[in-house]
mmCIF file of all heavy atoms, coordinates in Angstrom:
data_MODEL
# 
_entry.id   MODEL 
# 
loop_
_atom_site.group_PDB 
_atom_site.id 
_atom_site.type_symbol 
_atom_site.label_atom_id 
_atom_site.label_alt_id 
_atom_site.label_comp_id 
_atom_site.label_asym_id 
_atom_site.label_entity_id 
_atom_site.label_seq_id 
_atom_site.pdbx_PDB_ins_code 
_atom_site.Cartn_x 
_atom_site.Cartn_y 
_atom_site.Cartn_z 
_atom_site.occupancy 
_atom_site.B_iso_or_equiv 
_atom_site.pdbx_formal_charge 
_atom_site.auth_seq_id 
_atom_site.auth_comp_id 
_atom_site.auth_asym_id 
_atom_site.auth_atom_id 
_atom_site.pdbx_PDB_model_num 
ATOM 1   N N   . GLY A 1 1  ? 116.785 105.695 104.250 1.00 0.00 ? 1  GLY A N   1 
ATOM 2   C CA  . GLY A 1 1  ? 117.226 106.320 102.996 1.00 0.00 ? 1  GLY A CA  1 
ATOM 3   C C   . GLY A 1 1  ? 118.450 105.696 102.388 1.00 0.00 ? 1  GLY A C   1 
ATOM 4   O O   . GLY A 1 1  ? 118.522 105.494 101.212 1.00 0.00 ? 1  GLY A O   1 
ATOM 5   N N   . MET A 1 2  ? 119.424 105.362 103.267 1.00 0.00 ? 2  MET A N   1 
ATOM 6   C CA  . MET A 1 2  ? 120.623 104.710 102.752 1.00 0.00 ? 2  MET A CA  1 
ATOM 7   C C   . MET A 1 2  ? 120.326 103.302 102.419 1.00 0.00 ? 2  MET A C   1 
ATOM 8   O O   . MET A 1 2  ? 120.880 102.762 101.355 1.00 0.00 ? 2  MET A O   1 
ATOM 9   C CB  . MET A 1 2  ? 121.730 104.844 103.879 1.00 0.00 ? 2  MET A CB  1 
ATOM 10  C CG  . MET A 1 2  ? 122.325 106.232 104.050 1.00 0.00 ? 2  MET A CG  1 
ATOM 11  S SD  . MET A 1 2  ? 123.664 106.261 105.211 1.00 0.00 ? 2  MET A SD  1 
ATOM 12  C CE  . MET A 1 2  ? 122.828 105.838 106.746 1.00 0.00 ? 2  MET A CE  1 
ATOM 13  N N   . ALA A 1 3  ? 119.487 102.548 103.167 1.00 0.00 ? 3  ALA A N   1 
ATOM 14  C CA  . ALA A 1 3  ? 119.217 101.198 102.917 1.00 0.00 ? 3  ALA A CA  1 
ATOM 15  C C   . ALA A 1 3  ? 118.485 101.034 101.505 1.00 0.00 ? 3  ALA A C   1 
ATOM 16  O O   . ALA A 1 3  ? 118.656 100.095 100.818 1.00 0.00 ? 3  ALA A O   1 
ATOM 17  C CB  . ALA A 1 3  ? 118.455 100.536 104.026 1.00 0.00 ? 3  ALA A CB  1 
ATOM 18  N N   . ALA A 1 4  ? 117.636 102.022 101.229 1.00 0.00 ? 4  ALA A N   1 
ATOM 19  C CA  . ALA A 1 4  ? 116.854 101.987 99.998  1.00 0.00 ? 4  ALA A CA  1 
ATOM 20  C C   . ALA A 1 4  ? 117.736 102.454 98.806  1.00 0.00 ? 4  ALA A C   1 
ATOM 21  O O   . ALA A 1 4  ? 117.342 102.064 97.674  1.00 0.00 ? 4  ALA A O   1 
ATOM 22  C CB  . ALA A 1 4  ? 115.669 102.991 100.102 1.00 0.00 ? 4  ALA A CB  1 
ATOM 23  N N   . SER A 1 5  ? 118.822 103.081 99.051  1.00 0.00 ? 5  SER A N   1 
ATOM 24  C CA  . SER A 1 5  ? 119.568 103.640 97.960  1.00 0.00 ? 5  SER A CA  1 
ATOM 25  C C   . SER A 1 5  ? 120.932 102.952 97.620  1.00 0.00 ? 5  SER A C   1 
ATOM 26  O O   . SER A 1 5  ? 121.237 102.660 96.486  1.00 0.00 ? 5  SER A O   1 
ATOM 27  C CB  . SER A 1 5  ? 119.785 105.154 98.083  1.00 0.00 ? 5  SER A CB  1 
ATOM 28  O OG  . SER A 1 5  ? 120.529 105.416 99.274  1.00 0.00 ? 5  SER A OG  1 
ATOM 29  N N   . LEU A 1 6  ? 121.715 102.777 98.661  1.00 0.00 ? 6  LEU A N   1 
ATOM 30  C CA  . LEU A 1 6  ? 123.149 102.362 98.504  1.00 0.00 ? 6  LEU A CA  1 
ATOM 31  C C   . LEU A 1 6  ? 123.304 100.998 97.844  1.00 0.00 ? 6  LEU A C   1 
ATOM 32  O O   . LEU A 1 6  ? 124.167 100.827 97.042  1.00 0.00 ? 6  LEU A O   1 
ATOM 33  C CB  . LEU A 1 6  ? 123.858 102.489 99.778  1.00 0.00 ? 6  LEU A CB  1 
ATOM 34  C CG  . LEU A 1 6  ? 124.093 103.929 100.270 1.00 0.00 ? 6  LEU A CG  1 
ATOM 35  C CD1 . LEU A 1 6  ? 124.664 103.968 101.729 1.00 0.00 ? 6  LEU A CD1 1 
ATOM 36  C CD2 . LEU A 1 6  ? 125.126 104.615 99.357  1.00 0.00 ? 6  LEU A CD2 1 
ATOM 37  N N   . PRO A 1 7  ? 122.485 99.981  98.150  1.00 0.00 ? 7  PRO A N   1 
ATOM 38  C CA  . PRO A 1 7  ? 122.684 98.716  97.382  1.00 0.00 ? 7  PRO A CA  1 
ATOM 39  C C   . PRO A 1 7  ? 122.426 98.867  95.884  1.00 0.00 ? 7  PRO A C   1 
ATOM 40  O O   . PRO A 1 7  ? 123.120 98.266  95.116  1.00 0.00 ? 7  PRO A O   1 
ATOM 41  C CB  . PRO A 1 7  ? 121.590 97.819  98.030  1.00 0.00 ? 7  PRO A CB  1 
ATOM 42  C CG  . PRO A 1 7  ? 121.245 98.391  99.307  1.00 0.00 ? 7  PRO A CG  1 
ATOM 43  C CD  . PRO A 1 7  ? 121.431 99.945  99.119  1.00 0.00 ? 7  PRO A CD  1 
ATOM 44  N N   . ILE A 1 8  ? 121.418 99.723  95.602  1.00 0.00 ? 8  ILE A N   1 
ATOM 45  C CA  . ILE A 1 8  ? 121.109 99.971  94.170  1.00 0.00 ? 8  ILE A CA  1 
ATOM 46  C C   . ILE A 1 8  ? 122.228 100.777 93.536  1.00 0.00 ? 8  ILE A C   1 
ATOM 47  O O   . ILE A 1 8  ? 122.666 100.495 92.386  1.00 0.00 ? 8  ILE A O   1 
ATOM 48  C CB  . ILE A 1 8  ? 119.771 100.716 94.017  1.00 0.00 ? 8  ILE A CB  1 
ATOM 49  C CG1 . ILE A 1 8  ? 118.655 99.919  94.780  1.00 0.00 ? 8  ILE A CG1 1 
ATOM 50  C CG2 . ILE A 1 8  ? 119.441 100.952 92.583  1.00 0.00 ? 8  ILE A CG2 1 
ATOM 51  C CD1 . ILE A 1 8  ? 118.454 98.540  94.279  1.00 0.00 ? 8  ILE A CD1 1 
ATOM 52  N N   . ILE A 1 9  ? 122.725 101.793 94.143  1.00 0.00 ? 9  ILE A N   1 
ATOM 53  C CA  . ILE A 1 9  ? 123.827 102.628 93.660  1.00 0.00 ? 9  ILE A CA  1 
ATOM 54  C C   . ILE A 1 9  ? 125.094 101.695 93.409  1.00 0.00 ? 9  ILE A C   1 
ATOM 55  O O   . ILE A 1 9  ? 125.643 101.741 92.318  1.00 0.00 ? 9  ILE A O   1 
ATOM 56  C CB  . ILE A 1 9  ? 124.168 103.744 94.644  1.00 0.00 ? 9  ILE A CB  1 
ATOM 57  C CG1 . ILE A 1 9  ? 123.037 104.775 94.618  1.00 0.00 ? 9  ILE A CG1 1 
ATOM 58  C CG2 . ILE A 1 9  ? 125.521 104.352 94.203  1.00 0.00 ? 9  ILE A CG2 1 
ATOM 59  C CD1 . ILE A 1 9  ? 123.130 105.808 95.734  1.00 0.00 ? 9  ILE A CD1 1 
ATOM 60  N N   . LYS A 1 10 ? 125.391 100.942 94.373  1.00 0.00 ? 10 LYS A N   1 
ATOM 61  C CA  . LYS A 1 10 ? 126.568 100.003 94.210  1.00 0.00 ? 10 LYS A CA  1 
ATOM 62  C C   . LYS A 1 10 ? 126.409 99.026  93.099  1.00 0.00 ? 10 LYS A C   1 
ATOM 63  O O   . LYS A 1 10 ? 127.289 98.768  92.289  1.00 0.00 ? 10 LYS A O   1 
ATOM 64  C CB  . LYS A 1 10 ? 126.846 99.292  95.536  1.00 0.00 ? 10 LYS A CB  1 
ATOM 65  C CG  . LYS A 1 10 ? 128.173 98.480  95.605  1.00 0.00 ? 10 LYS A CG  1 
ATOM 66  C CD  . LYS A 1 10 ? 129.339 99.355  95.418  1.00 0.00 ? 10 LYS A CD  1 
ATOM 67  C CE  . LYS A 1 10 ? 130.676 98.548  95.594  1.00 0.00 ? 10 LYS A CE  1 
ATOM 68  N NZ  . LYS A 1 10 ? 131.848 99.354  95.231  1.00 0.00 ? 10 LYS A NZ  1 
ATOM 69  N N   . TYR A 1 11 ? 125.228 98.443  92.996  1.00 0.00 ? 11 TYR A N   1 
ATOM 70  C CA  . TYR A 1 11 ? 124.859 97.554  91.928  1.00 0.00 ? 11 TYR A CA  1 
ATOM 71  C C   . TYR A 1 11 ? 125.038 98.174  90.596  1.00 0.00 ? 11 TYR A C   1 
ATOM 72  O O   . TYR A 1 11 ? 125.650 97.606  89.673  1.00 0.00 ? 11 TYR A O   1 
ATOM 73  C CB  . TYR A 1 11 ? 123.455 97.040  92.131  1.00 0.00 ? 11 TYR A CB  1 
ATOM 74  C CG  . TYR A 1 11 ? 123.029 95.951  91.204  1.00 0.00 ? 11 TYR A CG  1 
ATOM 75  C CD1 . TYR A 1 11 ? 123.151 94.638  91.458  1.00 0.00 ? 11 TYR A CD1 1 
ATOM 76  C CD2 . TYR A 1 11 ? 122.510 96.267  89.949  1.00 0.00 ? 11 TYR A CD2 1 
ATOM 77  C CE1 . TYR A 1 11 ? 122.735 93.659  90.578  1.00 0.00 ? 11 TYR A CE1 1 
ATOM 78  C CE2 . TYR A 1 11 ? 122.150 95.277  88.984  1.00 0.00 ? 11 TYR A CE2 1 
ATOM 79  C CZ  . TYR A 1 11 ? 122.252 93.980  89.308  1.00 0.00 ? 11 TYR A CZ  1 
ATOM 80  O OH  . TYR A 1 11 ? 121.854 93.019  88.401  1.00 0.00 ? 11 TYR A OH  1 
ATOM 81  N N   . CYS A 1 12 ? 124.481 99.362  90.407  1.00 0.00 ? 12 CYS A N   1 
ATOM 82  C CA  . CYS A 1 12 ? 124.527 100.019 89.116  1.00 0.00 ? 12 CYS A CA  1 
ATOM 83  C C   . CYS A 1 12 ? 125.934 100.430 88.765  1.00 0.00 ? 12 CYS A C   1 
ATOM 84  O O   . CYS A 1 12 ? 126.310 100.349 87.555  1.00 0.00 ? 12 CYS A O   1 
ATOM 85  C CB  . CYS A 1 12 ? 123.613 101.270 89.143  1.00 0.00 ? 12 CYS A CB  1 
ATOM 86  S SG  . CYS A 1 12 ? 121.876 100.792 89.134  1.00 0.00 ? 12 CYS A SG  1 
ATOM 87  N N   . VAL A 1 13 ? 126.703 100.960 89.691  1.00 0.00 ? 13 VAL A N   1 
ATOM 88  C CA  . VAL A 1 13 ? 128.089 101.316 89.440  1.00 0.00 ? 13 VAL A CA  1 
ATOM 89  C C   . VAL A 1 13 ? 128.910 100.164 89.069  1.00 0.00 ? 13 VAL A C   1 
ATOM 90  O O   . VAL A 1 13 ? 129.674 100.122 88.062  1.00 0.00 ? 13 VAL A O   1 
ATOM 91  C CB  . VAL A 1 13 ? 128.670 102.046 90.650  1.00 0.00 ? 13 VAL A CB  1 
ATOM 92  C CG1 . VAL A 1 13 ? 130.198 102.295 90.504  1.00 0.00 ? 13 VAL A CG1 1 
ATOM 93  C CG2 . VAL A 1 13 ? 127.967 103.388 90.870  1.00 0.00 ? 13 VAL A CG2 1 
ATOM 94  N N   . ASP A 1 14 ? 128.799 99.036  89.798  1.00 0.00 ? 14 ASP A N   1 
ATOM 95  C CA  . ASP A 1 14 ? 129.616 97.820  89.608  1.00 0.00 ? 14 ASP A CA  1 
ATOM 96  C C   . ASP A 1 14 ? 129.212 97.141  88.263  1.00 0.00 ? 14 ASP A C   1 
ATOM 97  O O   . ASP A 1 14 ? 130.130 96.606  87.620  1.00 0.00 ? 14 ASP A O   1 
ATOM 98  C CB  . ASP A 1 14 ? 129.460 96.885  90.710  1.00 0.00 ? 14 ASP A CB  1 
ATOM 99  C CG  . ASP A 1 14 ? 130.180 97.301  91.996  1.00 0.00 ? 14 ASP A CG  1 
ATOM 100 O OD1 . ASP A 1 14 ? 130.808 98.347  91.985  1.00 0.00 ? 14 ASP A OD1 1 
ATOM 101 O OD2 . ASP A 1 14 ? 130.125 96.598  93.037  1.00 0.00 ? 14 ASP A OD2 1 
ATOM 102 N N   . GLN A 1 15 ? 127.988 97.189  87.930  1.00 0.00 ? 15 GLN A N   1 
ATOM 103 C CA  . GLN A 1 15 ? 127.535 96.505  86.679  1.00 0.00 ? 15 GLN A CA  1 
ATOM 104 C C   . GLN A 1 15 ? 127.640 97.455  85.494  1.00 0.00 ? 15 GLN A C   1 
ATOM 105 O O   . GLN A 1 15 ? 127.219 96.995  84.388  1.00 0.00 ? 15 GLN A O   1 
ATOM 106 C CB  . GLN A 1 15 ? 126.054 96.087  86.911  1.00 0.00 ? 15 GLN A CB  1 
ATOM 107 C CG  . GLN A 1 15 ? 125.873 95.077  88.022  1.00 0.00 ? 15 GLN A CG  1 
ATOM 108 C CD  . GLN A 1 15 ? 126.607 93.810  87.751  1.00 0.00 ? 15 GLN A CD  1 
ATOM 109 O OE1 . GLN A 1 15 ? 126.757 93.305  86.723  1.00 0.00 ? 15 GLN A OE1 1 
ATOM 110 N NE2 . GLN A 1 15 ? 127.183 93.290  88.872  1.00 0.00 ? 15 GLN A NE2 1 
ATOM 111 N N   . GLY A 1 16 ? 128.083 98.667  85.655  1.00 0.00 ? 16 GLY A N   1 
ATOM 112 C CA  . GLY A 1 16 ? 128.237 99.586  84.488  1.00 0.00 ? 16 GLY A CA  1 
ATOM 113 C C   . GLY A 1 16 ? 126.941 100.014 83.923  1.00 0.00 ? 16 GLY A C   1 
ATOM 114 O O   . GLY A 1 16 ? 126.920 100.464 82.737  1.00 0.00 ? 16 GLY A O   1 
ATOM 115 N N   . LEU A 1 17 ? 125.954 100.153 84.771  1.00 0.00 ? 17 LEU A N   1 
ATOM 116 C CA  . LEU A 1 17 ? 124.621 100.671 84.256  1.00 0.00 ? 17 LEU A CA  1 
ATOM 117 C C   . LEU A 1 17 ? 124.638 102.212 84.301  1.00 0.00 ? 17 LEU A C   1 
ATOM 118 O O   . LEU A 1 17 ? 125.274 102.849 85.134  1.00 0.00 ? 17 LEU A O   1 
ATOM 119 C CB  . LEU A 1 17 ? 123.495 100.124 85.108  1.00 0.00 ? 17 LEU A CB  1 
ATOM 120 C CG  . LEU A 1 17 ? 123.398 98.555  85.183  1.00 0.00 ? 17 LEU A CG  1 
ATOM 121 C CD1 . LEU A 1 17 ? 122.260 98.175  86.104  1.00 0.00 ? 17 LEU A CD1 1 
ATOM 122 C CD2 . LEU A 1 17 ? 123.268 97.963  83.820  1.00 0.00 ? 17 LEU A CD2 1 
ATOM 123 N N   . GLY A 1 18 ? 123.859 102.776 83.474  1.00 0.00 ? 18 GLY A N   1 
ATOM 124 C CA  . GLY A 1 18 ? 123.831 104.255 83.379  1.00 0.00 ? 18 GLY A CA  1 
ATOM 125 C C   . GLY A 1 18 ? 123.000 104.925 84.450  1.00 0.00 ? 18 GLY A C   1 
ATOM 126 O O   . GLY A 1 18 ? 122.301 104.284 85.235  1.00 0.00 ? 18 GLY A O   1 
ATOM 127 N N   . LYS A 1 19 ? 123.116 106.263 84.581  1.00 0.00 ? 19 LYS A N   1 
ATOM 128 C CA  . LYS A 1 19 ? 122.383 107.007 85.554  1.00 0.00 ? 19 LYS A CA  1 
ATOM 129 C C   . LYS A 1 19 ? 120.870 106.791 85.378  1.00 0.00 ? 19 LYS A C   1 
ATOM 130 O O   . LYS A 1 19 ? 120.128 106.749 86.386  1.00 0.00 ? 19 LYS A O   1 
ATOM 131 C CB  . LYS A 1 19 ? 122.751 108.507 85.461  1.00 0.00 ? 19 LYS A CB  1 
ATOM 132 C CG  . LYS A 1 19 ? 124.103 108.832 85.980  1.00 0.00 ? 19 LYS A CG  1 
ATOM 133 C CD  . LYS A 1 19 ? 124.045 108.833 87.530  1.00 0.00 ? 19 LYS A CD  1 
ATOM 134 C CE  . LYS A 1 19 ? 125.365 109.260 88.073  1.00 0.00 ? 19 LYS A CE  1 
ATOM 135 N NZ  . LYS A 1 19 ? 125.647 110.707 88.058  1.00 0.00 ? 19 LYS A NZ  1 
ATOM 136 N N   . GLU A 1 20 ? 120.354 106.782 84.161  1.00 0.00 ? 20 GLU A N   1 
ATOM 137 C CA  . GLU A 1 20 ? 118.854 106.681 83.997  1.00 0.00 ? 20 GLU A CA  1 
ATOM 138 C C   . GLU A 1 20 ? 118.394 105.361 84.637  1.00 0.00 ? 20 GLU A C   1 
ATOM 139 O O   . GLU A 1 20 ? 117.382 105.365 85.320  1.00 0.00 ? 20 GLU A O   1 
ATOM 140 C CB  . GLU A 1 20 ? 118.476 106.742 82.520  1.00 0.00 ? 20 GLU A CB  1 
ATOM 141 C CG  . GLU A 1 20 ? 117.009 106.648 82.391  1.00 0.00 ? 20 GLU A CG  1 
ATOM 142 C CD  . GLU A 1 20 ? 116.475 106.912 80.916  1.00 0.00 ? 20 GLU A CD  1 
ATOM 143 O OE1 . GLU A 1 20 ? 117.179 107.518 80.165  1.00 0.00 ? 20 GLU A OE1 1 
ATOM 144 O OE2 . GLU A 1 20 ? 115.303 106.525 80.718  1.00 0.00 ? 20 GLU A OE2 1 
ATOM 145 N N   . ALA A 1 21 ? 119.052 104.226 84.300  1.00 0.00 ? 21 ALA A N   1 
ATOM 146 C CA  . ALA A 1 21 ? 118.638 102.979 84.975  1.00 0.00 ? 21 ALA A CA  1 
ATOM 147 C C   . ALA A 1 21 ? 118.721 103.055 86.446  1.00 0.00 ? 21 ALA A C   1 
ATOM 148 O O   . ALA A 1 21 ? 117.849 102.561 87.182  1.00 0.00 ? 21 ALA A O   1 
ATOM 149 C CB  . ALA A 1 21 ? 119.564 101.844 84.435  1.00 0.00 ? 21 ALA A CB  1 
ATOM 150 N N   . MET A 1 22 ? 119.773 103.664 86.935  1.00 0.00 ? 22 MET A N   1 
ATOM 151 C CA  . MET A 1 22 ? 119.843 103.843 88.479  1.00 0.00 ? 22 MET A CA  1 
ATOM 152 C C   . MET A 1 22 ? 118.737 104.654 89.028  1.00 0.00 ? 22 MET A C   1 
ATOM 153 O O   . MET A 1 22 ? 118.164 104.326 90.021  1.00 0.00 ? 22 MET A O   1 
ATOM 154 C CB  . MET A 1 22 ? 121.209 104.513 88.803  1.00 0.00 ? 22 MET A CB  1 
ATOM 155 C CG  . MET A 1 22 ? 121.456 104.625 90.269  1.00 0.00 ? 22 MET A CG  1 
ATOM 156 S SD  . MET A 1 22 ? 123.074 105.265 90.663  1.00 0.00 ? 22 MET A SD  1 
ATOM 157 C CE  . MET A 1 22 ? 122.979 106.975 90.119  1.00 0.00 ? 22 MET A CE  1 
ATOM 158 N N   . TYR A 1 23 ? 118.465 105.849 88.378  1.00 0.00 ? 23 TYR A N   1 
ATOM 159 C CA  . TYR A 1 23 ? 117.368 106.698 88.867  1.00 0.00 ? 23 TYR A CA  1 
ATOM 160 C C   . TYR A 1 23 ? 116.053 105.966 88.883  1.00 0.00 ? 23 TYR A C   1 
ATOM 161 O O   . TYR A 1 23 ? 115.231 106.070 89.854  1.00 0.00 ? 23 TYR A O   1 
ATOM 162 C CB  . TYR A 1 23 ? 117.223 107.976 87.962  1.00 0.00 ? 23 TYR A CB  1 
ATOM 163 C CG  . TYR A 1 23 ? 118.381 108.949 88.017  1.00 0.00 ? 23 TYR A CG  1 
ATOM 164 C CD1 . TYR A 1 23 ? 118.639 109.743 86.867  1.00 0.00 ? 23 TYR A CD1 1 
ATOM 165 C CD2 . TYR A 1 23 ? 119.287 108.961 89.049  1.00 0.00 ? 23 TYR A CD2 1 
ATOM 166 C CE1 . TYR A 1 23 ? 119.714 110.621 86.878  1.00 0.00 ? 23 TYR A CE1 1 
ATOM 167 C CE2 . TYR A 1 23 ? 120.384 109.790 89.080  1.00 0.00 ? 23 TYR A CE2 1 
ATOM 168 C CZ  . TYR A 1 23 ? 120.587 110.610 87.930  1.00 0.00 ? 23 TYR A CZ  1 
ATOM 169 O OH  . TYR A 1 23 ? 121.651 111.520 87.886  1.00 0.00 ? 23 TYR A OH  1 
ATOM 170 N N   . ARG A 1 24 ? 115.784 105.249 87.828  1.00 0.00 ? 24 ARG A N   1 
ATOM 171 C CA  . ARG A 1 24 ? 114.501 104.563 87.787  1.00 0.00 ? 24 ARG A CA  1 
ATOM 172 C C   . ARG A 1 24 ? 114.370 103.412 88.870  1.00 0.00 ? 24 ARG A C   1 
ATOM 173 O O   . ARG A 1 24 ? 113.329 103.190 89.510  1.00 0.00 ? 24 ARG A O   1 
ATOM 174 C CB  . ARG A 1 24 ? 114.231 103.914 86.392  1.00 0.00 ? 24 ARG A CB  1 
ATOM 175 C CG  . ARG A 1 24 ? 113.981 104.948 85.251  1.00 0.00 ? 24 ARG A CG  1 
ATOM 176 C CD  . ARG A 1 24 ? 113.619 104.401 84.019  1.00 0.00 ? 24 ARG A CD  1 
ATOM 177 N NE  . ARG A 1 24 ? 113.578 105.467 82.968  1.00 0.00 ? 24 ARG A NE  1 
ATOM 178 C CZ  . ARG A 1 24 ? 112.595 106.354 82.775  1.00 0.00 ? 24 ARG A CZ  1 
ATOM 179 N NH1 . ARG A 1 24 ? 111.520 106.282 83.525  1.00 0.00 ? 24 ARG A NH1 1 
ATOM 180 N NH2 . ARG A 1 24 ? 112.631 107.288 81.804  1.00 0.00 ? 24 ARG A NH2 1 
ATOM 181 N N   . ALA A 1 25 ? 115.476 102.715 89.108  1.00 0.00 ? 25 ALA A N   1 
ATOM 182 C CA  . ALA A 1 25 ? 115.486 101.712 90.122  1.00 0.00 ? 25 ALA A CA  1 
ATOM 183 C C   . ALA A 1 25 ? 115.428 102.350 91.512  1.00 0.00 ? 25 ALA A C   1 
ATOM 184 O O   . ALA A 1 25 ? 114.759 101.801 92.412  1.00 0.00 ? 25 ALA A O   1 
ATOM 185 C CB  . ALA A 1 25 ? 116.751 100.843 90.020  1.00 0.00 ? 25 ALA A CB  1 
ATOM 186 N N   . LEU A 1 26 ? 116.078 103.475 91.686  1.00 0.00 ? 26 LEU A N   1 
ATOM 187 C CA  . LEU A 1 26 ? 115.939 104.147 92.968  1.00 0.00 ? 26 LEU A CA  1 
ATOM 188 C C   . LEU A 1 26 ? 114.498 104.656 93.211  1.00 0.00 ? 26 LEU A C   1 
ATOM 189 O O   . LEU A 1 26 ? 114.064 104.717 94.318  1.00 0.00 ? 26 LEU A O   1 
ATOM 190 C CB  . LEU A 1 26 ? 116.925 105.422 93.006  1.00 0.00 ? 26 LEU A CB  1 
ATOM 191 C CG  . LEU A 1 26 ? 118.394 105.037 93.134  1.00 0.00 ? 26 LEU A CG  1 
ATOM 192 C CD1 . LEU A 1 26 ? 119.278 106.270 92.973  1.00 0.00 ? 26 LEU A CD1 1 
ATOM 193 C CD2 . LEU A 1 26 ? 118.721 104.374 94.515  1.00 0.00 ? 26 LEU A CD2 1 
ATOM 194 N N   . PHE A 1 27 ? 113.831 105.054 92.138  1.00 0.00 ? 27 PHE A N   1 
ATOM 195 C CA  . PHE A 1 27 ? 112.442 105.439 92.275  1.00 0.00 ? 27 PHE A CA  1 
ATOM 196 C C   . PHE A 1 27 ? 111.591 104.226 92.836  1.00 0.00 ? 27 PHE A C   1 
ATOM 197 O O   . PHE A 1 27 ? 110.806 104.378 93.769  1.00 0.00 ? 27 PHE A O   1 
ATOM 198 C CB  . PHE A 1 27 ? 111.846 105.863 90.944  1.00 0.00 ? 27 PHE A CB  1 
ATOM 199 C CG  . PHE A 1 27 ? 110.424 106.296 90.989  1.00 0.00 ? 27 PHE A CG  1 
ATOM 200 C CD1 . PHE A 1 27 ? 110.102 107.599 91.292  1.00 0.00 ? 27 PHE A CD1 1 
ATOM 201 C CD2 . PHE A 1 27 ? 109.441 105.395 90.727  1.00 0.00 ? 27 PHE A CD2 1 
ATOM 202 C CE1 . PHE A 1 27 ? 108.768 107.973 91.359  1.00 0.00 ? 27 PHE A CE1 1 
ATOM 203 C CE2 . PHE A 1 27 ? 108.090 105.783 90.690  1.00 0.00 ? 27 PHE A CE2 1 
ATOM 204 C CZ  . PHE A 1 27 ? 107.746 107.088 91.053  1.00 0.00 ? 27 PHE A CZ  1 
ATOM 205 N N   . VAL A 1 28 ? 111.844 103.078 92.238  1.00 0.00 ? 28 VAL A N   1 
ATOM 206 C CA  . VAL A 1 28 ? 111.173 101.802 92.677  1.00 0.00 ? 28 VAL A CA  1 
ATOM 207 C C   . VAL A 1 28 ? 111.429 101.534 94.189  1.00 0.00 ? 28 VAL A C   1 
ATOM 208 O O   . VAL A 1 28 ? 110.528 101.309 94.929  1.00 0.00 ? 28 VAL A O   1 
ATOM 209 C CB  . VAL A 1 28 ? 111.525 100.607 91.833  1.00 0.00 ? 28 VAL A CB  1 
ATOM 210 C CG1 . VAL A 1 28 ? 111.011 99.312  92.449  1.00 0.00 ? 28 VAL A CG1 1 
ATOM 211 C CG2 . VAL A 1 28 ? 111.093 100.754 90.418  1.00 0.00 ? 28 VAL A CG2 1 
ATOM 212 N N   . SER A 1 29 ? 112.727 101.603 94.468  1.00 0.00 ? 29 SER A N   1 
ATOM 213 C CA  . SER A 1 29 ? 113.140 101.291 95.861  1.00 0.00 ? 29 SER A CA  1 
ATOM 214 C C   . SER A 1 29 ? 112.629 102.303 96.894  1.00 0.00 ? 29 SER A C   1 
ATOM 215 O O   . SER A 1 29 ? 112.049 101.856 97.963  1.00 0.00 ? 29 SER A O   1 
ATOM 216 C CB  . SER A 1 29 ? 114.695 101.304 95.917  1.00 0.00 ? 29 SER A CB  1 
ATOM 217 O OG  . SER A 1 29 ? 115.149 100.840 97.225  1.00 0.00 ? 29 SER A OG  1 
# 
């Protein structure tokens, strides 16, 4: 669960992407 989520969360936060982009990428992951 952490391996599928935390790299994406960190990427989205660091790159200034919004929550919607993050949620959709987390769905893929």
